Amino acid sequence: MTNDQPQFKIIIFGKPGCDKCAVLEKRVDSLLTQKKWRDFSKVKFDLESEDGLVEFCSLECLNPQRVPAFVI
């Protein structure tokens, strides 16, 4: 992996129209503009989609009653 490619992923799980989800995503976006976070990238999953639910369930460590959620 080269130095200009992020090493880590912040995976966000949320739903469309969720105000708390939008706040979390905005905060992560703000962090990722800072140089000290250059090793991180963001991936977003919609919990109202099949792909989002499969990814969420495969982690087996997130509380489904707590949305939005994220893992690194």
C-alpha atoms as a PDB file:
ATOM      1  CA  MET A   1       0.000   0.000   0.000  1.00  0.00           C
ATOM      2  CA  THR A   2       1.364   3.412  -0.905  1.00  0.00           C
ATOM      3  CA  ASN A   3       1.528   6.333   1.510  1.00  0.00           C
ATOM      4  CA  ASP A   4      -1.257   8.248  -0.236  1.00  0.00           C
ATOM      5  CA  GLN A   5      -3.840   5.457   0.132  1.00  0.00           C
ATOM      6  CA  PRO A   6      -5.836   5.264   3.382  1.00  0.00           C
ATOM      7  CA  GLN A   7      -4.930   2.283   5.532  1.00  0.00           C
ATOM      8  CA  PHE A   8      -8.070   2.242   7.661  1.00  0.00           C
ATOM      9  CA  LYS A   9     -11.787   2.455   6.913  1.00  0.00           C
ATOM     10  CA  ILE A  10     -14.442   4.102   9.022  1.00  0.00           C
ATOM     11  CA  ILE A  11     -17.566   2.128   8.184  1.00  0.00           C
ATOM     12  CA  ILE A  12     -20.771   4.022   8.918  1.00  0.00           C
ATOM     13  CA  PHE A  13     -24.203   2.412   9.133  1.00  0.00           C
ATOM     14  CA  GLY A  14     -27.225   4.651   8.870  1.00  0.00           C
ATOM     15  CA  LYS A  15     -30.596   5.260   7.283  1.00  0.00           C
ATOM     16  CA  PRO A  16     -31.856   7.869   4.820  1.00  0.00           C
ATOM     17  CA  GLY A  17     -33.625  10.756   6.514  1.00  0.00           C
ATOM     18  CA  CYS A  18     -32.020  10.055   9.899  1.00  0.00           C
ATOM     19  CA  ASP A  19     -30.827  13.336  11.450  1.00  0.00           C
ATOM     20  CA  LYS A  20     -28.399  11.591  13.820  1.00  0.00           C
ATOM     21  CA  CYS A  21     -26.936   9.659  10.892  1.00  0.00           C
ATOM     22  CA  ALA A  22     -26.380  12.907   8.995  1.00  0.00           C
ATOM     23  CA  VAL A  23     -24.641  14.476  12.016  1.00  0.00           C
ATOM     24  CA  LEU A  24     -22.295  11.494  12.398  1.00  0.00           C
ATOM     25  CA  GLU A  25     -21.425  11.526   8.716  1.00  0.00           C
ATOM     26  CA  LYS A  26     -20.777  15.280   8.782  1.00  0.00           C
ATOM     27  CA  ARG A  27     -18.478  14.912  11.802  1.00  0.00           C
ATOM     28  CA  VAL A  28     -16.523  12.097  10.163  1.00  0.00           C
ATOM     29  CA  ASP A  29     -16.242  14.099   6.916  1.00  0.00           C
ATOM     30  CA  SER A  30     -14.887  17.026   8.931  1.00  0.00           C
ATOM     31  CA  LEU A  31     -12.266  14.836  10.617  1.00  0.00           C
ATOM     32  CA  LEU A  32     -11.179  13.332   7.319  1.00  0.00           C
ATOM     33  CA  THR A  33     -10.227  16.768   5.978  1.00  0.00           C
ATOM     34  CA  GLN A  34      -7.505  16.996   8.635  1.00  0.00           C
ATOM     35  CA  LYS A  35      -4.009  15.805   7.825  1.00  0.00           C
ATOM     36  CA  LYS A  36      -3.743  13.648  10.954  1.00  0.00           C
ATOM     37  CA  TRP A  37      -6.663  11.519   9.681  1.00  0.00           C
ATOM     38  CA  ARG A  38      -5.181  10.921   6.210  1.00  0.00           C
ATOM     39  CA  ASP A  39      -4.804   7.180   6.926  1.00  0.00           C
ATOM     40  CA  PHE A  40      -8.600   6.844   7.177  1.00  0.00           C
ATOM     41  CA  SER A  41     -11.335   6.695   4.558  1.00  0.00           C
ATOM     42  CA  LYS A  42     -15.107   6.521   4.928  1.00  0.00           C
ATOM     43  CA  VAL A  43     -17.473   3.820   3.722  1.00  0.00           C
ATOM     44  CA  LYS A  44     -21.216   4.253   4.216  1.00  0.00           C
ATOM     45  CA  PHE A  45     -23.892   1.548   4.314  1.00  0.00           C
ATOM     46  CA  ASP A  46     -27.638   2.132   4.159  1.00  0.00           C
ATOM     47  CA  LEU A  47     -29.405  -0.087   6.680  1.00  0.00           C
ATOM     48  CA  GLU A  48     -32.524  -0.008   4.539  1.00  0.00           C
ATOM     49  CA  SER A  49     -30.702  -1.878   1.769  1.00  0.00           C
ATOM     50  CA  GLU A  50     -29.921  -5.573   1.591  1.00  0.00           C
ATOM     51  CA  ASP A  51     -26.186  -4.920   1.229  1.00  0.00           C
ATOM     52  CA  GLY A  52     -26.208  -2.614   4.247  1.00  0.00           C
ATOM     53  CA  LEU A  53     -28.048  -5.125   6.413  1.00  0.00           C
ATOM     54  CA  VAL A  54     -25.783  -7.993   5.397  1.00  0.00           C
ATOM     55  CA  GLU A  55     -22.657  -5.970   6.178  1.00  0.00           C
ATOM     56  CA  PHE A  56     -24.123  -4.791   9.502  1.00  0.00           C
ATOM     57  CA  CYS A  57     -25.095  -8.323  10.574  1.00  0.00           C
ATOM     58  CA  SER A  58     -21.763  -9.797   9.510  1.00  0.00           C
ATOM     59  CA  LEU A  59     -19.958  -7.686  12.104  1.00  0.00           C
ATOM     60  CA  GLU A  60     -21.915  -9.290  14.964  1.00  0.00           C
ATOM     61  CA  CYS A  61     -20.693  -6.614  17.354  1.00  0.00           C
ATOM     62  CA  LEU A  62     -23.024  -3.662  16.821  1.00  0.00           C
ATOM     63  CA  ASN A  63     -26.246  -3.084  18.711  1.00  0.00           C
ATOM     64  CA  PRO A  64     -29.033  -2.850  16.111  1.00  0.00           C
ATOM     65  CA  GLN A  65     -30.952  -0.558  18.452  1.00  0.00           C
ATOM     66  CA  ARG A  66     -28.144   2.001  18.205  1.00  0.00           C
ATOM     67  CA  VAL A  67     -28.258   3.737  14.842  1.00  0.00           C
ATOM     68  CA  PRO A  68     -26.185   5.362  13.519  1.00  0.00           C
ATOM     69  CA  ALA A  69     -23.254   3.090  14.209  1.00  0.00           C
ATOM     70  CA  PHE A  70     -19.673   2.929  13.018  1.00  0.00           C
ATOM     71  CA  VAL A  71     -16.640   0.696  13.223  1.00  0.00           C
ATOM     72  CA  ILE A  72     -13.035   1.190  12.215  1.00  0.00           C
END
